[in-house]
């Protein structure tokens, strides 16, 4: 069932209910017009932000890419995600994705659809958590540690995969951002489930900061690429300085 069919069902159901419950008549009247109007406003908001970025940072834009069918298709796919998105900050993430997809550094990348799908599934807070974890590890342990992956099998180095402790993240966000502890913990679990961060292991069998049973998190390659499409590539990350500062997506 597509969204057009759902809209028709909503409208017809409200009209049917209104016949026996007159108070509901105001809901039934003009439903399609309301929906179309709101969708138009959301699309306009998303695309206006995109165009403003193209104008503001035109030296970064791959103009040849903008002429291709690929760019037009990606705009269509992104608008489809954004037309029903009621939160302005989420539409900003989608418009930022469109802009960075159009830059010289990412225009030839083949993972755009995968990243669009990923960004569509996360909130601004969840994107902020991903960025916080990544910047924490970059400043505390270095970018090389963040990039460690499957090729580590062939390395003779004795470096360890580093993680940001769960308690640090939860404490910082609940204190400074006034979020519920359970909400931050649930967001971290969700980010693990969609593959943008990974956890050290199951509780009780791992050692993080010399204490067993502490969960820790680090970005995956998918998480790093997602941040790159939001304007936070490796070149934007802090250098190793043992910083103890928590970062937020702004």
Protein backbone atom coordinates (compact mmCIF):
# COMPACT_ATOMS: atom_id res chain seq x y z
CA UNK A 1 0.00 0.00 0.00
CA UNK A 2 1.48 3.35 -1.04
CA UNK A 3 1.11 6.73 0.69
CA UNK A 4 -1.52 7.89 -1.81
CA UNK A 5 -3.69 4.91 -0.89
CA UNK A 6 -3.18 5.58 2.84
CA UNK A 7 -4.25 9.21 2.35
CA UNK A 8 -7.45 8.09 0.64
CA UNK A 9 -8.20 5.63 3.43
CA UNK A 10 -7.69 8.32 6.08
CA UNK A 11 -9.98 10.71 4.23
CA UNK A 12 -12.72 8.16 3.53
CA UNK A 13 -12.59 6.84 7.12
CA UNK A 14 -12.93 10.33 8.59
CA UNK A 15 -15.86 11.09 6.29
CA UNK A 16 -17.54 7.82 7.30
CA UNK A 17 -17.01 8.50 11.01
CA UNK A 18 -18.23 12.09 10.60
CA UNK A 19 -21.65 10.84 9.45
CA UNK A 20 -22.30 9.34 12.90
CA UNK A 21 -20.07 11.69 14.89
CA UNK A 22 -20.58 15.25 13.57
CA UNK A 23 -17.71 16.70 15.62
CA UNK A 24 -15.31 14.73 13.40
CA UNK A 25 -16.61 16.44 10.27
CA UNK A 26 -14.03 19.22 10.57
CA UNK A 27 -11.27 16.61 10.38
CA UNK A 28 -12.68 15.04 7.26
CA UNK A 29 -13.11 18.32 5.38
CA UNK A 30 -10.12 19.28 3.28
CA UNK A 31 -7.85 16.44 4.42
CA UNK A 32 -6.20 15.99 1.01
CA UNK A 33 -5.72 19.73 0.59
CA UNK A 34 -4.13 19.97 4.04
CA UNK A 35 -1.81 17.05 3.37
CA UNK A 36 -0.73 18.37 -0.02
CA UNK A 37 -0.18 21.87 1.38
CA UNK A 38 1.97 20.61 4.25
CA UNK A 39 3.99 18.38 1.96
CA UNK A 40 4.61 21.31 -0.38
CA UNK A 41 5.87 23.43 2.53
CA UNK A 42 8.23 20.67 3.70
CA UNK A 43 9.61 20.09 0.21
CA UNK A 44 10.09 23.83 -0.24
CA UNK A 45 11.92 24.08 3.10
CA UNK A 46 14.24 21.15 2.29
CA UNK A 47 15.11 22.35 -1.22
CA UNK A 48 15.58 25.99 -0.20
CA UNK A 49 18.19 24.93 2.37
CA UNK A 50 19.88 22.79 -0.25
CA UNK A 51 20.04 25.60 -2.80
CA UNK A 52 21.30 28.09 -0.20
CA UNK A 53 24.19 25.74 0.59
CA UNK A 54 24.96 25.35 -3.11
CA UNK A 55 25.14 29.13 -3.44
CA UNK A 56 27.06 29.71 -0.21
CA UNK A 57 29.67 27.02 -0.83
CA UNK A 58 29.69 26.95 -4.63
CA UNK A 59 33.47 26.45 -4.73
CA UNK A 60 32.92 22.98 -3.20
CA UNK A 61 30.19 21.95 -5.64
CA UNK A 62 30.75 19.55 -8.53
CA UNK A 63 28.76 21.35 -11.24
CA UNK A 64 29.11 18.46 -13.68
CA UNK A 65 27.46 16.14 -11.17
CA UNK A 66 24.46 18.47 -10.89
CA UNK A 67 23.82 18.02 -14.61
CA UNK A 68 23.59 14.23 -14.33
CA UNK A 69 20.48 12.11 -13.96
CA UNK A 70 22.02 10.66 -10.80
CA UNK A 71 21.73 14.04 -9.06
CA UNK A 72 18.11 14.48 -10.14
CA UNK A 73 17.23 10.98 -8.97
CA UNK A 74 18.86 11.58 -5.58
CA UNK A 75 16.93 14.83 -5.14
CA UNK A 76 13.71 12.98 -5.92
CA UNK A 77 14.53 10.20 -3.43
CA UNK A 78 15.48 12.69 -0.70
CA UNK A 79 12.36 14.78 -1.24
CA UNK A 80 10.29 11.60 -0.95
CA UNK A 81 11.84 11.07 2.50
CA UNK A 82 11.42 14.69 3.53
CA UNK A 83 7.88 15.49 2.34
CA UNK A 84 6.31 13.76 5.33
CA UNK A 85 9.01 14.76 7.84
CA UNK A 86 7.39 17.14 10.33
CA UNK A 87 10.59 17.99 12.22
CA UNK A 88 12.55 20.88 10.75
CA UNK A 89 15.87 19.67 12.18
CA UNK A 90 15.45 16.31 10.44
CA UNK A 91 14.76 18.04 7.12
CA UNK A 92 17.99 19.97 7.72
CA UNK A 93 19.89 16.67 7.95
CA UNK A 94 18.36 15.60 4.63
CA UNK A 95 19.19 18.91 2.92
CA UNK A 96 22.76 18.73 4.28
CA UNK A 97 23.01 15.22 2.87
CA UNK A 98 21.91 16.50 -0.55
CA UNK A 99 24.48 19.28 -0.47
CA UNK A 100 27.45 17.13 0.51
CA UNK A 101 26.39 14.55 -2.09
CA UNK A 102 26.88 17.35 -4.63
CA UNK A 103 30.40 18.28 -3.50
CA UNK A 104 33.57 17.37 -5.36
CA UNK A 105 34.67 15.12 -2.52
CA UNK A 106 31.55 12.91 -2.57
CA UNK A 107 29.90 13.33 -5.98
CA UNK A 108 31.58 10.17 -7.32
CA UNK A 109 30.88 8.09 -4.22
CA UNK A 110 28.67 5.03 -4.84
CA UNK A 111 27.10 4.79 -1.39
CA UNK A 112 24.67 7.72 -1.57
CA UNK A 113 21.47 5.67 -1.47
CA UNK A 114 22.72 3.62 1.48
CA UNK A 115 23.61 6.78 3.39
CA UNK A 116 20.25 8.40 2.56
CA UNK A 117 18.51 5.32 3.93
CA UNK A 118 20.64 5.55 7.10
CA UNK A 119 20.09 9.28 7.66
CA UNK A 120 16.36 8.81 7.17
CA UNK A 121 16.37 6.40 10.14
CA UNK A 122 18.10 8.64 12.70
CA UNK A 123 17.08 11.74 14.65
CA UNK A 124 19.13 14.85 15.30
CA UNK A 125 19.90 13.59 18.82
CA UNK A 126 21.07 10.25 17.47
CA UNK A 127 23.25 11.99 14.89
CA UNK A 128 24.66 14.09 17.74
CA UNK A 129 25.48 10.96 19.75
CA UNK A 130 27.29 9.48 16.74
CA UNK A 131 29.30 12.68 16.32
CA UNK A 132 30.07 12.91 20.05
CA UNK A 133 31.45 9.39 20.19
CA UNK A 134 33.55 9.91 17.06
CA UNK A 135 35.05 13.23 18.18
CA UNK A 136 35.75 11.90 21.65
CA UNK A 137 37.76 9.00 20.22
CA UNK A 138 39.48 11.20 17.64
CA UNK A 139 40.74 13.65 20.23
CA UNK A 140 41.49 11.01 22.86
CA UNK A 141 42.96 8.17 20.80
CA UNK A 142 43.57 9.50 17.29
CA UNK A 143 41.95 9.11 13.87
CA UNK A 144 44.02 6.04 13.08
CA UNK A 145 42.30 4.16 15.88
CA UNK A 146 38.86 5.13 14.55
CA UNK A 147 39.82 3.82 11.10
CA UNK A 148 41.02 0.44 12.31
CA UNK A 149 39.03 -2.27 10.55
CA UNK A 150 39.29 -5.61 8.79
CA UNK A 151 42.86 -4.93 7.64
CA UNK A 152 43.92 -4.97 11.30
CA UNK A 153 44.12 -8.75 10.95
CA UNK A 154 47.26 -8.35 8.84
CA UNK A 155 48.83 -5.67 11.02
CA UNK A 156 51.63 -6.37 13.46
CA UNK A 157 50.66 -3.37 15.58
CA UNK A 158 49.47 -3.97 19.13
CA UNK A 159 47.00 -1.13 19.18
CA UNK A 160 43.61 -1.83 20.78
CA UNK A 161 40.22 -0.83 19.43
CA UNK A 162 39.13 2.03 21.71
CA UNK A 163 35.59 2.78 22.86
CA UNK A 164 33.84 5.64 24.60
CA UNK A 165 32.27 4.33 27.83
CA UNK A 166 28.49 4.21 27.97
CA UNK A 167 28.33 5.82 31.41
CA UNK A 168 30.29 8.86 30.16
CA UNK A 169 27.90 9.45 27.28
CA UNK A 170 24.76 8.96 29.35
CA UNK A 171 26.02 11.12 32.23
CA UNK A 172 27.01 13.96 29.91
CA UNK A 173 23.78 14.02 27.92
CA UNK A 174 21.47 13.68 30.91
CA UNK A 175 23.29 16.44 32.82
CA UNK A 176 24.00 18.97 30.07
CA UNK A 177 21.14 18.30 27.67
CA UNK A 178 18.47 17.26 30.20
CA UNK A 179 17.56 14.03 28.41
CA UNK A 180 16.20 11.01 30.23
CA UNK A 181 18.84 8.37 31.02
CA UNK A 182 16.70 5.58 29.58
CA UNK A 183 16.17 7.59 26.37
CA UNK A 184 19.91 8.03 25.76
CA UNK A 185 20.53 4.35 26.48
CA UNK A 186 17.75 3.40 24.05
CA UNK A 187 19.20 5.72 21.37
CA UNK A 188 22.61 4.06 21.74
CA UNK A 189 21.02 0.62 21.38
CA UNK A 190 19.17 1.83 18.28
CA UNK A 191 22.34 3.22 16.70
CA UNK A 192 24.00 -0.16 17.25
CA UNK A 193 21.01 -1.90 15.64
CA UNK A 194 21.26 0.12 12.41
CA UNK A 195 25.02 -0.32 12.24
CA UNK A 196 26.42 3.21 12.67
CA UNK A 197 28.12 2.44 16.00
CA UNK A 198 29.37 -0.79 17.49
CA UNK A 199 29.64 -1.89 21.10
CA UNK A 200 32.54 -3.60 22.81
CA UNK A 201 30.59 -6.81 23.52
CA UNK A 202 27.95 -8.27 25.79
CA UNK A 203 27.92 -7.07 29.37
CA UNK A 204 30.03 -8.96 31.90
CA UNK A 205 32.54 -10.40 29.44
CA UNK A 206 34.41 -7.32 28.27
CA UNK A 207 36.89 -4.96 29.81
CA UNK A 208 36.56 -1.24 29.10
CA UNK A 209 38.84 1.11 31.04
CA UNK A 210 40.03 -1.84 33.17
CA UNK A 211 36.52 -2.66 34.44
CA UNK A 212 34.52 -5.67 33.34
CA UNK A 213 30.88 -5.30 32.33
CA UNK A 214 31.15 -1.70 31.09
CA UNK A 215 29.74 -1.08 27.63
CA UNK A 216 31.63 1.13 25.23
CA UNK A 217 30.90 2.49 21.75
CA UNK A 218 32.82 3.42 18.61
CA UNK A 219 31.67 4.44 15.11
CA UNK A 220 31.53 1.89 12.33
CA UNK A 221 32.63 2.58 8.77
CA UNK A 222 28.95 3.23 7.98
CA UNK A 223 28.81 5.69 10.87
CA UNK A 224 31.91 7.53 9.65
CA UNK A 225 30.54 7.79 6.13
CA UNK A 226 27.18 9.01 7.45
CA UNK A 227 28.96 11.81 9.32
CA UNK A 228 30.90 12.68 6.17
CA UNK A 229 27.62 13.22 4.31
CA UNK A 230 26.50 15.51 7.14
CA UNK A 231 29.64 17.64 6.86
CA UNK A 232 31.76 15.98 9.55
CA UNK A 233 34.38 14.03 7.62
CA UNK A 234 37.69 12.96 9.12
CA UNK A 235 39.29 16.24 8.13
CA UNK A 236 36.78 18.03 10.39
CA UNK A 237 37.51 15.87 13.43
CA UNK A 238 39.79 17.11 16.23
CA UNK A 239 43.37 15.89 16.32
CA UNK A 240 44.77 13.77 19.13
CA UNK A 241 45.02 15.99 22.21
CA UNK A 242 43.58 13.88 25.04
CA UNK A 243 40.65 16.26 25.17
CA UNK A 244 37.94 15.41 27.68
CA UNK A 245 35.30 17.57 26.02
CA UNK A 246 31.92 16.27 24.90
CA UNK A 247 30.88 17.44 21.43
CA UNK A 248 27.40 18.12 20.14
CA UNK A 249 25.92 18.37 16.67
CA UNK A 250 24.84 21.96 16.07
